Amino acid sequence: MLKQLQPDALERFRQEHLQEVAGLATAEGIWLDIGVLFTSGIKGGL
């Protein structure tokens, strides 16, 4: 969808996005809470 924006609109979006992300940053970085599933398996038969 970003490719559909005109260059001036894309630059405006970029600046607004970077400003918003900068507001989330702390000294430790930006917290991103994501659930993760871990799986394991064994190959072979009985």
C-alpha atoms as a PDB file:
ATOM      1  CA  MET A   1       0.000   0.000   0.000  1.00  0.00           C
ATOM      2  CA  LEU A   2       2.890   2.352   0.638  1.00  0.00           C
ATOM      3  CA  LYS A   3       3.968   2.003  -2.983  1.00  0.00           C
ATOM      4  CA  GLN A   4       0.641   3.547  -3.998  1.00  0.00           C
ATOM      5  CA  LEU A   5       1.409   6.832  -2.192  1.00  0.00           C
ATOM      6  CA  GLN A   6       2.724   9.825  -4.038  1.00  0.00           C
ATOM      7  CA  PRO A   7       6.325  10.741  -3.064  1.00  0.00           C
ATOM      8  CA  ASP A   8       5.264  13.761  -0.968  1.00  0.00           C
ATOM      9  CA  ALA A   9       2.591  11.742   0.876  1.00  0.00           C
ATOM     10  CA  LEU A  10       5.087   8.919   1.455  1.00  0.00           C
ATOM     11  CA  GLU A  11       7.618  11.323   2.962  1.00  0.00           C
ATOM     12  CA  ARG A  12       4.934  12.863   5.213  1.00  0.00           C
ATOM     13  CA  PHE A  13       3.899   9.350   6.364  1.00  0.00           C
ATOM     14  CA  ARG A  14       7.550   8.449   7.000  1.00  0.00           C
ATOM     15  CA  GLN A  15       8.153  11.535   9.130  1.00  0.00           C
ATOM     16  CA  GLU A  16       4.953  11.029  11.160  1.00  0.00           C
ATOM     17  CA  HIS A  17       5.761   7.351  11.698  1.00  0.00           C
ATOM     18  CA  LEU A  18       9.323   8.027  12.846  1.00  0.00           C
ATOM     19  CA  GLN A  19       8.054  10.716  15.232  1.00  0.00           C
ATOM     20  CA  GLU A  20       5.518   8.297  16.730  1.00  0.00           C
ATOM     21  CA  VAL A  21       8.104   5.523  17.113  1.00  0.00           C
ATOM     22  CA  ALA A  22      10.583   7.919  18.712  1.00  0.00           C
ATOM     23  CA  GLY A  23       7.959   8.635  21.389  1.00  0.00           C
ATOM     24  CA  LEU A  24       7.913   4.934  22.308  1.00  0.00           C
ATOM     25  CA  ALA A  25      11.671   4.617  22.748  1.00  0.00           C
ATOM     26  CA  THR A  26      13.216   4.370  26.203  1.00  0.00           C
ATOM     27  CA  ALA A  27      16.814   3.941  27.358  1.00  0.00           C
ATOM     28  CA  GLU A  28      16.264   0.176  27.049  1.00  0.00           C
ATOM     29  CA  GLY A  29      14.823   0.401  23.522  1.00  0.00           C
ATOM     30  CA  ILE A  30      11.255  -0.181  22.343  1.00  0.00           C
ATOM     31  CA  TRP A  31       9.199  -2.880  24.058  1.00  0.00           C
ATOM     32  CA  LEU A  32       7.448  -5.178  21.625  1.00  0.00           C
ATOM     33  CA  ASP A  33       5.301  -7.826  23.321  1.00  0.00           C
ATOM     34  CA  ILE A  34       4.939 -10.758  20.946  1.00  0.00           C
ATOM     35  CA  GLY A  35       3.653 -14.218  21.737  1.00  0.00           C
ATOM     36  CA  VAL A  36       5.918 -17.013  20.528  1.00  0.00           C
ATOM     37  CA  LEU A  37       5.203 -20.719  20.141  1.00  0.00           C
ATOM     38  CA  PHE A  38       8.082 -23.183  20.487  1.00  0.00           C
ATOM     39  CA  THR A  39       7.814 -26.727  19.212  1.00  0.00           C
ATOM     40  CA  SER A  40      10.108 -29.669  19.012  1.00  0.00           C
ATOM     41  CA  GLY A  41       9.939 -33.045  17.379  1.00  0.00           C
ATOM     42  CA  ILE A  42      11.769 -36.287  16.861  1.00  0.00           C
ATOM     43  CA  LYS A  43      12.233 -37.762  13.434  1.00  0.00           C
ATOM     44  CA  GLY A  44      11.942 -41.493  13.142  1.00  0.00           C
ATOM     45  CA  GLY A  45       9.544 -44.327  13.754  1.00  0.00           C
ATOM     46  CA  LEU A  46       8.888 -46.750  16.523  1.00  0.00           C
END
